[in-house]
Amino acid sequence: MSGKGTAVITGAGSGIGRALTALCASRGYDLALFDINSEELEEAGEEGRALGAKVLTRRLDVSDPQACDQAAEEVAQGCGPVSLVINNAGVALGGYFDEASPEDFRWLTEINYFGVVNMTRAFLPMLQAHPVHGQLVNVSSVFGMIAPAGQTAYCGAKFAVRGFSEALRHELQGTSVGVTVVHPGGVATNIAKRARISKGIGIERLEAAREQAEKSLSMPPEKAAQIILDAAERRSQRCIVGNDARMLEAIQRVLPINYYAILKMLGLSAPPPKPAEKSTAS
């Protein structure tokens, strides 16, 4: 059993989650790692073991509440006290509201929002039982603070993560458990490449959207992980990751209603345009 306890991380197989895995191991945490991709998860687990951590890895669909409960039971039986839970797993969806199906919305929301709720419900009792204190870290997004066009499903879920986390923090005031909500900006992960694409998007718009996303995803995940873990260990309430995210948050705070017009003027929020609708006039 490590001196820092066990860190539970979802989405641990790639991106920010994988970087957090290595960083937590290097700082003396044992690890309970979860991801939907078994191969990437096992690679992350081996990296953690190479850094001296005791590691449990399990494939997990965070949208399944029963599976999250079972994961918590495994951690309770096989790991030391849980001091840190990082709800990082997430997916993306490309397309405007009228291009995304109800199924698309449910798929994203079940993972990005209810996945956080499911894991929190399963693991909060362990954080509360930690002999010193526990920290819950829920990863929202810069799109949990601003809401650009073309991100209706993603923003809806990430704003929900923010609201859930802040309300839960207030419920837990005076207890040994703190809550950190994280708002990353452009971090160089594969989330854009792996995004589900709405059926209404053509190839040209798809390529333009991915090219635009790649340009904005510049921060190394290792740097993002350091910022996030530092914030968690300080028990910070909010963690904004990246200069881009801090700038966007500042613009929204100063102009809470009209911020989008400023973002468009600065060229910071211009999704690939929808094709012009054909006229039905005779």
C-alpha atoms as a PDB file:
ATOM      1  CA  MET A   1       0.000   0.000   0.000  1.00  0.00           C
ATOM      2  CA  SER A   2       1.411   3.380  -1.017  1.00  0.00           C
ATOM      3  CA  GLY A   3       1.727   6.336   1.294  1.00  0.00           C
ATOM      4  CA  LYS A   4      -0.534   8.427  -0.929  1.00  0.00           C
ATOM      5  CA  GLY A   5      -3.224   5.802  -1.339  1.00  0.00           C
ATOM      6  CA  THR A   6      -4.877   4.675  -4.548  1.00  0.00           C
ATOM      7  CA  ALA A   7      -5.720   6.932  -7.485  1.00  0.00           C
ATOM      8  CA  VAL A   8      -8.705   5.813  -9.563  1.00  0.00           C
ATOM      9  CA  ILE A   9      -8.532   7.067 -13.169  1.00  0.00           C
ATOM     10  CA  THR A  10     -11.017   6.569 -16.006  1.00  0.00           C
ATOM     11  CA  GLY A  11     -10.019   7.008 -19.618  1.00  0.00           C
ATOM     12  CA  ALA A  12      -6.583   5.880 -18.479  1.00  0.00           C
ATOM     13  CA  GLY A  13      -5.516   4.308 -21.762  1.00  0.00           C
ATOM     14  CA  SER A  14      -4.749   7.441 -23.739  1.00  0.00           C
ATOM     15  CA  GLY A  15      -4.397  11.213 -23.715  1.00  0.00           C
ATOM     16  CA  ILE A  16      -4.701  13.054 -20.432  1.00  0.00           C
ATOM     17  CA  GLY A  17      -5.700   9.889 -18.591  1.00  0.00           C
ATOM     18  CA  ARG A  18      -2.571   8.034 -19.642  1.00  0.00           C
ATOM     19  CA  ALA A  19      -0.382  10.985 -18.717  1.00  0.00           C
ATOM     20  CA  LEU A  20      -2.096  11.148 -15.325  1.00  0.00           C
ATOM     21  CA  THR A  21      -1.431   7.440 -14.864  1.00  0.00           C
ATOM     22  CA  ALA A  22       2.326   7.884 -15.248  1.00  0.00           C
ATOM     23  CA  LEU A  23       2.408  11.051 -13.164  1.00  0.00           C
ATOM     24  CA  CYS A  24       0.399   9.573 -10.295  1.00  0.00           C
ATOM     25  CA  ALA A  25       2.660   6.519 -10.257  1.00  0.00           C
ATOM     26  CA  SER A  26       5.758   8.718 -10.193  1.00  0.00           C
ATOM     27  CA  ARG A  27       4.337  10.637  -7.227  1.00  0.00           C
ATOM     28  CA  GLY A  28       3.762   7.540  -5.157  1.00  0.00           C
ATOM     29  CA  TYR A  29       0.136   6.584  -5.777  1.00  0.00           C
ATOM     30  CA  ASP A  30      -1.060   3.079  -6.432  1.00  0.00           C
ATOM     31  CA  LEU A  31      -3.433   2.899  -9.375  1.00  0.00           C
ATOM     32  CA  ALA A  32      -6.864   1.570 -10.313  1.00  0.00           C
ATOM     33  CA  LEU A  33      -7.156   2.184 -14.046  1.00  0.00           C
ATOM     34  CA  PHE A  34     -10.221   1.942 -16.255  1.00  0.00           C
ATOM     35  CA  ASP A  35     -10.789   2.383 -19.982  1.00  0.00           C
ATOM     36  CA  ILE A  36     -13.024   1.017 -22.729  1.00  0.00           C
ATOM     37  CA  ASN A  37      -9.946   0.118 -24.829  1.00  0.00           C
ATOM     38  CA  SER A  38      -8.339  -2.944 -23.255  1.00  0.00           C
ATOM     39  CA  GLU A  39      -5.105  -2.844 -25.257  1.00  0.00           C
ATOM     40  CA  GLU A  40      -4.308   0.779 -24.459  1.00  0.00           C
ATOM     41  CA  LEU A  41      -5.342   0.220 -20.853  1.00  0.00           C
ATOM     42  CA  GLU A  42      -2.882  -2.636 -20.379  1.00  0.00           C
ATOM     43  CA  GLU A  43      -0.094  -0.551 -21.890  1.00  0.00           C
ATOM     44  CA  ALA A  44      -0.858   2.214 -19.397  1.00  0.00           C
ATOM     45  CA  GLY A  45      -0.909  -0.315 -16.584  1.00  0.00           C
ATOM     46  CA  GLU A  46       2.533  -1.609 -17.520  1.00  0.00           C
ATOM     47  CA  GLU A  47       3.867   1.946 -17.504  1.00  0.00           C
ATOM     48  CA  GLY A  48       2.493   2.425 -14.007  1.00  0.00           C
ATOM     49  CA  ARG A  49       4.036  -0.820 -12.765  1.00  0.00           C
ATOM     50  CA  ALA A  50       7.392   0.135 -14.279  1.00  0.00           C
ATOM     51  CA  LEU A  51       7.258   3.269 -12.130  1.00  0.00           C
ATOM     52  CA  GLY A  52       6.760   1.201  -8.985  1.00  0.00           C
ATOM     53  CA  ALA A  53       3.005   1.436  -8.523  1.00  0.00           C
ATOM     54  CA  LYS A  54       0.677  -1.387  -7.612  1.00  0.00           C
ATOM     55  CA  VAL A  55      -1.792  -1.372 -10.511  1.00  0.00           C
ATOM     56  CA  LEU A  56      -5.264  -2.789 -11.087  1.00  0.00           C
ATOM     57  CA  THR A  57      -6.612  -2.549 -14.653  1.00  0.00           C
ATOM     58  CA  ARG A  58     -10.146  -3.335 -15.789  1.00  0.00           C
ATOM     59  CA  ARG A  59     -11.999  -2.642 -19.008  1.00  0.00           C
ATOM     60  CA  LEU A  60     -14.974  -0.466 -18.104  1.00  0.00           C
ATOM     61  CA  ASP A  61     -17.875   1.226 -19.843  1.00  0.00           C
ATOM     62  CA  VAL A  62     -18.554   4.159 -17.515  1.00  0.00           C
ATOM     63  CA  SER A  63     -22.046   4.592 -18.958  1.00  0.00           C
ATOM     64  CA  ASP A  64     -23.044   1.315 -17.252  1.00  0.00           C
ATOM     65  CA  PRO A  65     -23.857   2.053 -13.587  1.00  0.00           C
ATOM     66  CA  GLN A  66     -23.765  -1.603 -12.560  1.00  0.00           C
ATOM     67  CA  ALA A  67     -20.333  -2.031 -14.126  1.00  0.00           C
ATOM     68  CA  CYS A  68     -19.113   1.024 -12.191  1.00  0.00           C
ATOM     69  CA  ASP A  69     -20.439  -0.474  -8.959  1.00  0.00           C
ATOM     70  CA  GLN A  70     -18.643  -3.743  -9.731  1.00  0.00           C
ATOM     71  CA  ALA A  71     -15.440  -1.834 -10.450  1.00  0.00           C
ATOM     72  CA  ALA A  72     -15.717  -0.148  -7.062  1.00  0.00           C
ATOM     73  CA  GLU A  73     -16.133  -3.524  -5.368  1.00  0.00           C
ATOM     74  CA  GLU A  74     -12.979  -4.808  -7.072  1.00  0.00           C
ATOM     75  CA  VAL A  75     -11.025  -1.758  -5.964  1.00  0.00           C
ATOM     76  CA  ALA A  76     -12.322  -2.077  -2.406  1.00  0.00           C
ATOM     77  CA  GLN A  77     -11.175  -5.698  -2.269  1.00  0.00           C
ATOM     78  CA  GLY A  78      -7.903  -5.431  -4.185  1.00  0.00           C
ATOM     79  CA  CYS A  79      -6.459  -1.976  -3.530  1.00  0.00           C
ATOM     80  CA  GLY A  80      -5.504   0.235  -0.635  1.00  0.00           C
ATOM     81  CA  PRO A  81      -7.521   3.242   0.567  1.00  0.00           C
ATOM     82  CA  VAL A  82      -8.749   5.428  -2.289  1.00  0.00           C
ATOM     83  CA  SER A  83      -7.584   9.021  -1.904  1.00  0.00           C
ATOM     84  CA  LEU A  84      -8.129  10.312  -5.447  1.00  0.00           C
ATOM     85  CA  VAL A  85     -10.759   9.668  -8.123  1.00  0.00           C
ATOM     86  CA  ILE A  86     -10.273  11.288 -11.545  1.00  0.00           C
ATOM     87  CA  ASN A  87     -13.277  11.045 -13.863  1.00  0.00           C
ATOM     88  CA  ASN A  88     -11.542  11.689 -17.160  1.00  0.00           C
ATOM     89  CA  ALA A  89     -13.230   9.348 -19.665  1.00  0.00           C
ATOM     90  CA  GLY A  90     -14.979  11.153 -22.482  1.00  0.00           C
ATOM     91  CA  VAL A  91     -15.939  11.192 -26.140  1.00  0.00           C
ATOM     92  CA  ALA A  92     -16.688  13.839 -28.766  1.00  0.00           C
ATOM     93  CA  LEU A  93     -19.385  14.315 -31.382  1.00  0.00           C
ATOM     94  CA  GLY A  94     -19.086  16.408 -34.524  1.00  0.00           C
ATOM     95  CA  GLY A  95     -22.038  18.181 -36.105  1.00  0.00           C
ATOM     96  CA  TYR A  96     -24.736  20.777 -35.635  1.00  0.00           C
ATOM     97  CA  PHE A  97     -27.861  20.112 -33.565  1.00  0.00           C
ATOM     98  CA  ASP A  98     -30.074  19.315 -36.549  1.00  0.00           C
ATOM     99  CA  GLU A  99     -27.460  16.905 -37.903  1.00  0.00           C
ATOM    100  CA  ALA A 100     -27.025  14.885 -34.710  1.00  0.00           C
ATOM    101  CA  SER A 101     -29.557  12.162 -33.989  1.00  0.00           C
ATOM    102  CA  PRO A 102     -31.210  11.570 -30.613  1.00  0.00           C
ATOM    103  CA  GLU A 103     -29.076   8.431 -30.394  1.00  0.00           C
ATOM    104  CA  ASP A 104     -25.921  10.517 -30.883  1.00  0.00           C
ATOM    105  CA  PHE A 105     -26.945  12.805 -28.034  1.00  0.00           C
ATOM    106  CA  ARG A 106     -27.752   9.908 -25.703  1.00  0.00           C
ATOM    107  CA  TRP A 107     -24.493   8.124 -26.524  1.00  0.00           C
ATOM    108  CA  LEU A 108     -22.369  11.169 -25.710  1.00  0.00           C
ATOM    109  CA  THR A 109     -24.359  12.180 -22.640  1.00  0.00           C
ATOM    110  CA  GLU A 110     -24.333   8.670 -21.172  1.00  0.00           C
ATOM    111  CA  ILE A 111     -20.528   8.652 -21.295  1.00  0.00           C
ATOM    112  CA  ASN A 112     -19.547  12.282 -20.690  1.00  0.00           C
ATOM    113  CA  TYR A 113     -22.112  13.140 -18.022  1.00  0.00           C
ATOM    114  CA  PHE A 114     -23.675  10.002 -16.611  1.00  0.00           C
ATOM    115  CA  GLY A 115     -20.279   8.304 -16.644  1.00  0.00           C
ATOM    116  CA  VAL A 116     -19.135  10.942 -14.146  1.00  0.00           C
ATOM    117  CA  VAL A 117     -22.297  10.475 -12.077  1.00  0.00           C
ATOM    118  CA  ASN A 118     -21.997   6.678 -12.128  1.00  0.00           C
ATOM    119  CA  MET A 119     -18.356   6.675 -11.054  1.00  0.00           C
ATOM    120  CA  THR A 120     -18.948   9.295  -8.387  1.00  0.00           C
ATOM    121  CA  ARG A 121     -21.842   7.319  -6.922  1.00  0.00           C
ATOM    122  CA  ALA A 122     -19.740   4.147  -6.907  1.00  0.00           C
ATOM    123  CA  PHE A 123     -16.520   5.606  -5.464  1.00  0.00           C
ATOM    124  CA  LEU A 124     -17.604   8.504  -3.240  1.00  0.00           C
ATOM    125  CA  PRO A 125     -18.053   6.211  -0.203  1.00  0.00           C
ATOM    126  CA  MET A 126     -14.389   5.160  -0.540  1.00  0.00           C
ATOM    127  CA  LEU A 127     -13.226   8.772  -0.637  1.00  0.00           C
ATOM    128  CA  GLN A 128     -15.332   9.468   2.427  1.00  0.00           C
ATOM    129  CA  ALA A 129     -13.780   6.490   4.195  1.00  0.00           C
ATOM    130  CA  HIS A 130     -10.191   7.614   3.583  1.00  0.00           C
ATOM    131  CA  PRO A 131      -8.466   8.169   6.944  1.00  0.00           C
ATOM    132  CA  VAL A 132      -7.204  11.657   5.986  1.00  0.00           C
ATOM    133  CA  HIS A 133      -9.119  13.116   3.063  1.00  0.00           C
ATOM    134  CA  GLY A 134     -10.238  12.283  -0.450  1.00  0.00           C
ATOM    135  CA  GLN A 135     -10.372  14.329  -3.632  1.00  0.00           C
ATOM    136  CA  LEU A 136     -12.812  13.899  -6.497  1.00  0.00           C
ATOM    137  CA  VAL A 137     -11.661  15.336  -9.836  1.00  0.00           C
ATOM    138  CA  ASN A 138     -14.235  15.657 -12.622  1.00  0.00           C
ATOM    139  CA  VAL A 139     -12.970  16.641 -16.054  1.00  0.00           C
ATOM    140  CA  SER A 140     -15.310  19.058 -17.818  1.00  0.00           C
ATOM    141  CA  SER A 141     -13.916  21.193 -20.668  1.00  0.00           C
ATOM    142  CA  VAL A 142     -13.413  24.754 -21.802  1.00  0.00           C
ATOM    143  CA  PHE A 143     -16.735  23.941 -23.493  1.00  0.00           C
ATOM    144  CA  GLY A 144     -18.182  23.684 -20.009  1.00  0.00           C
ATOM    145  CA  MET A 145     -17.630  27.454 -19.763  1.00  0.00           C
ATOM    146  CA  ILE A 146     -18.317  28.645 -23.315  1.00  0.00           C
ATOM    147  CA  ALA A 147     -20.703  27.215 -25.894  1.00  0.00           C
ATOM    148  CA  PRO A 148     -19.678  27.559 -29.553  1.00  0.00           C
ATOM    149  CA  ALA A 149     -21.807  26.534 -32.499  1.00  0.00           C
ATOM    150  CA  GLY A 150     -21.467  22.931 -33.562  1.00  0.00           C
ATOM    151  CA  GLN A 151     -21.031  21.651 -29.996  1.00  0.00           C
ATOM    152  CA  THR A 152     -24.581  21.331 -28.675  1.00  0.00           C
ATOM    153  CA  ALA A 153     -24.235  17.772 -27.396  1.00  0.00           C
ATOM    154  CA  TYR A 154     -20.695  18.162 -26.065  1.00  0.00           C
ATOM    155  CA  CYS A 155     -21.396  21.491 -24.355  1.00  0.00           C
ATOM    156  CA  GLY A 156     -24.609  20.166 -22.848  1.00  0.00           C
ATOM    157  CA  ALA A 157     -22.749  17.304 -21.189  1.00  0.00           C
ATOM    158  CA  LYS A 158     -19.711  19.327 -20.119  1.00  0.00           C
ATOM    159  CA  PHE A 159     -21.836  22.125 -18.623  1.00  0.00           C
ATOM    160  CA  ALA A 160     -23.695  19.367 -16.771  1.00  0.00           C
ATOM    161  CA  VAL A 161     -20.418  18.003 -15.376  1.00  0.00           C
ATOM    162  CA  ARG A 162     -19.552  21.476 -14.143  1.00  0.00           C
ATOM    163  CA  GLY A 163     -22.938  22.023 -12.506  1.00  0.00           C
ATOM    164  CA  PHE A 164     -22.965  18.567 -10.942  1.00  0.00           C
ATOM    165  CA  SER A 165     -19.457  19.021  -9.557  1.00  0.00           C
ATOM    166  CA  GLU A 166     -20.105  22.459  -8.086  1.00  0.00           C
ATOM    167  CA  ALA A 167     -23.383  21.382  -6.472  1.00  0.00           C
ATOM    168  CA  LEU A 168     -21.758  18.248  -5.040  1.00  0.00           C
ATOM    169  CA  ARG A 169     -18.881  20.323  -3.680  1.00  0.00           C
ATOM    170  CA  HIS A 170     -21.374  22.460  -1.792  1.00  0.00           C
ATOM    171  CA  GLU A 171     -23.084  19.356  -0.424  1.00  0.00           C
ATOM    172  CA  LEU A 172     -19.721  18.037   0.795  1.00  0.00           C
ATOM    173  CA  GLN A 173     -18.572  21.240   2.497  1.00  0.00           C
ATOM    174  CA  GLY A 174     -17.380  20.511   6.004  1.00  0.00           C
ATOM    175  CA  THR A 175     -16.474  16.910   5.147  1.00  0.00           C
ATOM    176  CA  SER A 176     -13.123  15.333   4.309  1.00  0.00           C
ATOM    177  CA  VAL A 177     -13.897  15.123   0.572  1.00  0.00           C
ATOM    178  CA  GLY A 178     -13.125  17.935  -1.850  1.00  0.00           C
ATOM    179  CA  VAL A 179     -14.235  18.326  -5.461  1.00  0.00           C
ATOM    180  CA  THR A 180     -12.148  19.764  -8.292  1.00  0.00           C
ATOM    181  CA  VAL A 181     -13.739  20.510 -11.666  1.00  0.00           C
ATOM    182  CA  VAL A 182     -11.264  20.680 -14.551  1.00  0.00           C
ATOM    183  CA  HIS A 183     -11.668  22.760 -17.710  1.00  0.00           C
ATOM    184  CA  PRO A 184      -8.983  21.795 -20.250  1.00  0.00           C
ATOM    185  CA  GLY A 185      -8.457  23.843 -23.381  1.00  0.00           C
ATOM    186  CA  GLY A 186      -6.636  22.507 -26.417  1.00  0.00           C
ATOM    187  CA  VAL A 187      -4.741  19.414 -25.253  1.00  0.00           C
ATOM    188  CA  ALA A 188      -3.071  17.190 -27.856  1.00  0.00           C
ATOM    189  CA  THR A 189      -5.129  14.015 -27.501  1.00  0.00           C
ATOM    190  CA  ASN A 190      -6.929  11.744 -29.956  1.00  0.00           C
ATOM    191  CA  ILE A 191     -10.428  12.852 -28.937  1.00  0.00           C
ATOM    192  CA  ALA A 192     -11.007  14.755 -32.197  1.00  0.00           C
ATOM    193  CA  LYS A 193      -9.748  11.887 -34.363  1.00  0.00           C
ATOM    194  CA  ARG A 194     -11.973   9.449 -32.488  1.00  0.00           C
ATOM    195  CA  ALA A 195     -15.045  11.672 -32.451  1.00  0.00           C
ATOM    196  CA  ARG A 196     -18.310  10.240 -33.682  1.00  0.00           C
ATOM    197  CA  ILE A 197     -19.398  12.170 -36.747  1.00  0.00           C
ATOM    198  CA  SER A 198     -23.044  13.006 -37.369  1.00  0.00           C
ATOM    199  CA  LYS A 199     -24.412  11.509 -40.576  1.00  0.00           C
ATOM    200  CA  GLY A 200     -25.228  14.894 -42.100  1.00  0.00           C
ATOM    201  CA  ILE A 201     -21.595  15.990 -42.332  1.00  0.00           C
ATOM    202  CA  GLY A 202     -19.934  15.615 -45.717  1.00  0.00           C
ATOM    203  CA  ILE A 203     -16.334  14.547 -46.264  1.00  0.00           C
ATOM    204  CA  GLU A 204     -15.100  18.088 -46.923  1.00  0.00           C
ATOM    205  CA  ARG A 205     -16.612  19.465 -43.720  1.00  0.00           C
ATOM    206  CA  LEU A 206     -15.352  16.463 -41.789  1.00  0.00           C
ATOM    207  CA  GLU A 207     -11.772  17.022 -42.930  1.00  0.00           C
ATOM    208  CA  ALA A 208     -12.027  20.769 -42.284  1.00  0.00           C
ATOM    209  CA  ALA A 209     -13.360  20.154 -38.779  1.00  0.00           C
ATOM    210  CA  ARG A 210     -10.579  17.703 -37.955  1.00  0.00           C
ATOM    211  CA  GLU A 211      -7.913  20.016 -39.356  1.00  0.00           C
ATOM    212  CA  GLN A 212      -9.266  22.884 -37.266  1.00  0.00           C
ATOM    213  CA  ALA A 213      -9.356  20.705 -34.161  1.00  0.00           C
ATOM    214  CA  GLU A 214      -5.781  19.519 -34.672  1.00  0.00           C
ATOM    215  CA  LYS A 215      -4.546  23.109 -34.847  1.00  0.00           C
ATOM    216  CA  SER A 216      -6.207  23.972 -31.535  1.00  0.00           C
ATOM    217  CA  LEU A 217      -4.964  20.897 -29.650  1.00  0.00           C
ATOM    218  CA  SER A 218      -1.446  22.004 -28.811  1.00  0.00           C
ATOM    219  CA  MET A 219      -0.707  21.406 -25.111  1.00  0.00           C
ATOM    220  CA  PRO A 220       1.112  18.114 -24.419  1.00  0.00           C
ATOM    221  CA  PRO A 221      -1.049  15.811 -22.279  1.00  0.00           C
ATOM    222  CA  GLU A 222       1.848  15.449 -19.832  1.00  0.00           C
ATOM    223  CA  LYS A 223       1.714  19.187 -19.118  1.00  0.00           C
ATOM    224  CA  ALA A 224      -2.055  19.060 -18.703  1.00  0.00           C
ATOM    225  CA  ALA A 225      -1.708  16.118 -16.322  1.00  0.00           C
ATOM    226  CA  GLN A 226       0.781  18.034 -14.183  1.00  0.00           C
ATOM    227  CA  ILE A 227      -1.567  21.018 -13.915  1.00  0.00           C
ATOM    228  CA  ILE A 228      -4.512  18.771 -13.041  1.00  0.00           C
ATOM    229  CA  LEU A 229      -2.719  16.672 -10.430  1.00  0.00           C
ATOM    230  CA  ASP A 230      -1.172  19.759  -8.832  1.00  0.00           C
ATOM    231  CA  ALA A 231      -4.660  21.262  -8.540  1.00  0.00           C
ATOM    232  CA  ALA A 232      -6.057  18.050  -7.074  1.00  0.00           C
ATOM    233  CA  GLU A 233      -3.293  17.818  -4.483  1.00  0.00           C
ATOM    234  CA  ARG A 234      -3.897  21.465  -3.539  1.00  0.00           C
ATOM    235  CA  ARG A 235      -7.593  20.569  -3.273  1.00  0.00           C
ATOM    236  CA  SER A 236      -8.439  23.407  -5.657  1.00  0.00           C
ATOM    237  CA  GLN A 237     -12.084  23.887  -6.522  1.00  0.00           C
ATOM    238  CA  ARG A 238     -11.517  24.756 -10.183  1.00  0.00           C
ATOM    239  CA  CYS A 239      -8.651  23.993 -12.554  1.00  0.00           C
ATOM    240  CA  ILE A 240      -8.447  25.779 -15.906  1.00  0.00           C
ATOM    241  CA  VAL A 241      -5.863  24.106 -18.130  1.00  0.00           C
ATOM    242  CA  GLY A 242      -4.031  26.180 -20.725  1.00  0.00           C
ATOM    243  CA  ASN A 243      -3.663  29.804 -21.731  1.00  0.00           C
ATOM    244  CA  ASP A 244      -6.366  29.372 -24.360  1.00  0.00           C
ATOM    245  CA  ALA A 245      -8.868  28.145 -21.789  1.00  0.00           C
ATOM    246  CA  ARG A 246      -7.979  30.946 -19.378  1.00  0.00           C
ATOM    247  CA  MET A 247      -8.436  33.548 -22.116  1.00  0.00           C
ATOM    248  CA  LEU A 248     -11.788  32.131 -23.200  1.00  0.00           C
ATOM    249  CA  GLU A 249     -12.995  31.969 -19.602  1.00  0.00           C
ATOM    250  CA  ALA A 250     -11.982  35.604 -19.072  1.00  0.00           C
ATOM    251  CA  ILE A 251     -13.843  36.756 -22.188  1.00  0.00           C
ATOM    252  CA  GLN A 252     -16.954  34.865 -21.098  1.00  0.00           C
ATOM    253  CA  ARG A 253     -16.734  36.277 -17.579  1.00  0.00           C
ATOM    254  CA  VAL A 254     -16.477  39.883 -18.827  1.00  0.00           C
ATOM    255  CA  LEU A 255     -19.117  39.458 -21.554  1.00  0.00           C
ATOM    256  CA  PRO A 256     -21.365  36.628 -20.347  1.00  0.00           C
ATOM    257  CA  ILE A 257     -24.047  37.280 -22.989  1.00  0.00           C
ATOM    258  CA  ASN A 258     -22.085  38.589 -25.964  1.00  0.00           C
ATOM    259  CA  TYR A 259     -18.831  36.649 -25.645  1.00  0.00           C
ATOM    260  CA  TYR A 260     -19.487  34.605 -28.780  1.00  0.00           C
ATOM    261  CA  ALA A 261     -19.425  37.681 -30.996  1.00  0.00           C
ATOM    262  CA  ILE A 262     -15.960  38.498 -29.636  1.00  0.00           C
ATOM    263  CA  LEU A 263     -14.760  34.956 -30.229  1.00  0.00           C
ATOM    264  CA  LYS A 264     -15.951  35.129 -33.835  1.00  0.00           C
ATOM    265  CA  MET A 265     -14.206  38.475 -34.342  1.00  0.00           C
ATOM    266  CA  LEU A 266     -10.980  36.961 -33.026  1.00  0.00           C
ATOM    267  CA  GLY A 267     -11.383  33.881 -35.192  1.00  0.00           C
ATOM    268  CA  LEU A 268     -11.512  31.653 -32.129  1.00  0.00           C
ATOM    269  CA  SER A 269     -14.874  30.026 -32.740  1.00  0.00           C
ATOM    270  CA  ALA A 270     -15.613  29.347 -36.365  1.00  0.00           C
ATOM    271  CA  PRO A 271     -16.761  25.771 -37.018  1.00  0.00           C
ATOM    272  CA  PRO A 272     -16.883  24.637 -40.639  1.00  0.00           C
ATOM    273  CA  PRO A 273     -20.048  26.163 -42.092  1.00  0.00           C
ATOM    274  CA  LYS A 274     -23.036  24.073 -42.968  1.00  0.00           C
ATOM    275  CA  PRO A 275     -23.721  23.858 -46.679  1.00  0.00           C
ATOM    276  CA  ALA A 276     -26.252  26.367 -47.921  1.00  0.00           C
ATOM    277  CA  GLU A 277     -29.737  24.943 -48.055  1.00  0.00           C
ATOM    278  CA  LYS A 278     -31.222  24.673 -51.497  1.00  0.00           C
ATOM    279  CA  SER A 279     -34.050  27.066 -52.198  1.00  0.00           C
ATOM    280  CA  THR A 280     -37.479  25.527 -52.588  1.00  0.00           C
ATOM    281  CA  ALA A 281     -38.912  28.636 -54.222  1.00  0.00           C
ATOM    282  CA  SER A 282     -40.382  28.157 -57.678  1.00  0.00           C
END
